Amino acid sequence: MPHRKDIVIVGAGCEGRIALDILRELGRRAKVLGFLDACAGRGDIPARVAGLPVLGDERLLPGLRRKGVRRVVVALGDNARRAELARAAEEAGLTLLSLIHPSAVVSGGAKAGEGCIIHAGCVIGVDASLG
């Protein structure tokens, strides 16, 4: 049974694996239940990615909250699709997590909105605004 600290990652490709890596690097006391991916079940994405199951596609987003999941990471390289799925997650009552890799440098004057993923080695300068 999912716990309120459980997380689902939307996107099982490169960005999804990066998000999982950041969560592991941060040592978050949360359990990643698995991935959602539009290509689930079509052979483009294996049944397991980085040791975690691909649970299905994004059509499962609305039902996650009913199953006890409260938080998601939307990890896609396509900005428009990422924004679309972030809106769908929010409409489903899910919280978008922001992730900052421990090796990233983020200026104190920078602003990162909900759902941002800042990769390893990134430098985010003063007055930068990410959303």
Protein backbone atom coordinates (compact mmCIF):
# COMPACT_ATOMS: atom_id res chain seq x y z
CA MET A 1 0.00 0.00 0.00
CA PRO A 2 1.44 3.41 -0.96
CA HIS A 3 2.63 5.73 1.79
CA ARG A 4 2.29 9.53 1.69
CA LYS A 5 6.03 9.79 1.01
CA ASP A 6 5.87 7.53 -2.05
CA ILE A 7 6.78 9.05 -5.42
CA VAL A 8 6.01 8.17 -9.03
CA ILE A 9 8.25 9.44 -11.84
CA VAL A 10 6.48 10.40 -15.07
CA GLY A 11 8.89 9.53 -17.87
CA ALA A 12 11.00 6.37 -17.99
CA GLY A 13 13.57 7.65 -20.49
CA CYS A 14 16.80 9.51 -19.84
CA GLU A 15 15.17 12.34 -17.83
CA GLY A 16 13.30 9.85 -15.67
CA ARG A 17 16.50 7.97 -14.89
CA ILE A 18 18.21 11.28 -14.05
CA ALA A 19 15.35 12.15 -11.68
CA LEU A 20 15.71 8.76 -10.00
CA ASP A 21 19.47 9.31 -9.68
CA ILE A 22 18.92 12.71 -8.05
CA LEU A 23 16.40 11.25 -5.60
CA ARG A 24 18.90 8.55 -4.68
CA GLU A 25 21.76 11.08 -4.38
CA LEU A 26 19.64 13.21 -2.07
CA GLY A 27 18.94 10.18 0.07
CA ARG A 28 15.28 11.13 0.20
CA ARG A 29 13.36 9.09 2.72
CA ALA A 30 10.76 8.25 0.15
CA LYS A 31 10.09 5.22 -1.92
CA VAL A 32 9.90 5.56 -5.69
CA LEU A 33 7.12 3.20 -6.69
CA GLY A 34 8.01 3.24 -10.39
CA PHE A 35 7.56 5.10 -13.64
CA LEU A 36 4.71 6.14 -15.91
CA ASP A 37 5.58 6.43 -19.59
CA ALA A 38 3.56 7.04 -22.76
CA CYS A 39 5.42 4.15 -24.42
CA ALA A 40 4.57 1.63 -21.70
CA GLY A 41 3.49 -1.69 -23.14
CA ARG A 42 4.56 -0.81 -26.70
CA GLY A 43 8.00 -2.39 -26.55
CA ASP A 44 9.86 0.95 -26.66
CA ILE A 45 10.23 0.93 -22.88
CA PRO A 46 11.10 -2.22 -20.94
CA ALA A 47 8.87 -3.47 -18.11
CA ARG A 48 11.52 -2.34 -15.61
CA VAL A 49 13.82 0.68 -15.74
CA ALA A 50 16.71 1.12 -13.31
CA GLY A 51 15.28 -1.75 -11.27
CA LEU A 52 11.80 -0.18 -10.91
CA PRO A 53 8.57 -1.16 -12.66
CA VAL A 54 6.97 0.82 -15.46
CA LEU A 55 3.47 1.00 -14.03
CA GLY A 56 1.70 2.10 -17.20
CA ASP A 57 1.18 5.33 -19.09
CA GLU A 58 0.11 8.84 -18.06
CA ARG A 59 -3.56 7.86 -18.15
CA LEU A 60 -2.92 6.49 -14.65
CA LEU A 61 -2.18 9.98 -13.26
CA PRO A 62 -5.75 10.74 -12.11
CA GLY A 63 -5.95 7.47 -10.17
CA LEU A 64 -2.65 7.82 -8.31
CA ARG A 65 -4.10 9.98 -5.55
CA ARG A 66 -6.88 7.44 -4.91
CA LYS A 67 -4.13 4.86 -4.46
CA GLY A 68 -2.36 7.00 -1.85
CA VAL A 69 0.34 8.57 -4.02
CA ARG A 70 0.67 12.32 -3.43
CA ARG A 71 3.90 13.30 -5.18
CA VAL A 72 5.23 12.98 -8.72
CA VAL A 73 8.27 14.07 -10.66
CA VAL A 74 7.53 14.91 -14.29
CA ALA A 75 10.79 14.10 -16.06
CA LEU A 76 10.54 14.56 -19.81
CA GLY A 77 12.88 16.25 -22.28
CA ASP A 78 10.01 17.67 -24.34
CA ASN A 79 9.11 20.98 -22.64
CA ALA A 80 5.58 21.22 -24.03
CA ARG A 81 4.74 17.64 -23.09
CA ARG A 82 6.32 18.09 -19.66
CA ALA A 83 4.14 21.19 -19.05
CA GLU A 84 1.04 19.32 -20.23
CA LEU A 85 1.66 16.38 -17.90
CA ALA A 86 2.55 18.69 -15.00
CA ARG A 87 -0.84 20.39 -15.41
CA ALA A 88 -2.55 16.99 -15.56
CA ALA A 89 -0.76 15.93 -12.37
CA GLU A 90 -1.79 19.11 -10.57
CA GLU A 91 -5.39 18.70 -11.77
CA ALA A 92 -5.29 15.19 -10.28
CA GLY A 93 -4.33 16.73 -6.92
CA LEU A 94 -0.71 15.59 -7.03
CA THR A 95 2.25 17.64 -5.81
CA LEU A 96 5.07 18.30 -8.30
CA LEU A 97 8.48 17.73 -6.76
CA SER A 98 11.47 19.88 -7.64
CA LEU A 99 14.84 18.16 -7.63
CA ILE A 100 18.28 19.78 -7.36
CA HIS A 101 21.30 17.51 -7.69
CA PRO A 102 23.74 17.99 -4.79
CA SER A 103 26.55 18.97 -7.21
CA ALA A 104 24.49 21.77 -8.82
CA VAL A 105 25.27 25.36 -7.88
CA VAL A 106 22.18 27.51 -7.42
CA SER A 107 22.56 31.20 -6.56
CA GLY A 108 20.67 32.42 -3.52
CA GLY A 109 18.95 34.98 -5.77
CA ALA A 110 17.68 32.36 -8.23
CA LYS A 111 14.11 31.12 -8.18
CA ALA A 112 13.11 27.58 -9.10
CA GLY A 113 9.39 26.89 -9.41
CA GLU A 114 7.57 23.65 -8.69
CA GLY A 115 8.55 20.71 -10.80
CA CYS A 116 12.04 21.87 -11.80
CA ILE A 117 14.85 19.36 -12.18
CA ILE A 118 18.36 20.76 -11.94
CA HIS A 119 20.95 18.27 -13.15
CA ALA A 120 24.39 17.45 -11.81
CA GLY A 121 26.96 20.14 -12.51
CA CYS A 122 24.46 22.84 -13.49
CA VAL A 123 25.12 26.43 -12.48
CA ILE A 124 22.05 28.61 -11.99
CA GLY A 125 23.02 32.27 -11.70
CA VAL A 126 21.63 35.16 -9.71
CA ASP A 127 18.20 36.43 -10.80
CA ALA A 128 17.56 33.30 -12.86
CA SER A 129 13.92 32.23 -12.77
CA LEU A 130 12.99 28.64 -13.60
CA GLY A 131 9.43 27.45 -13.84
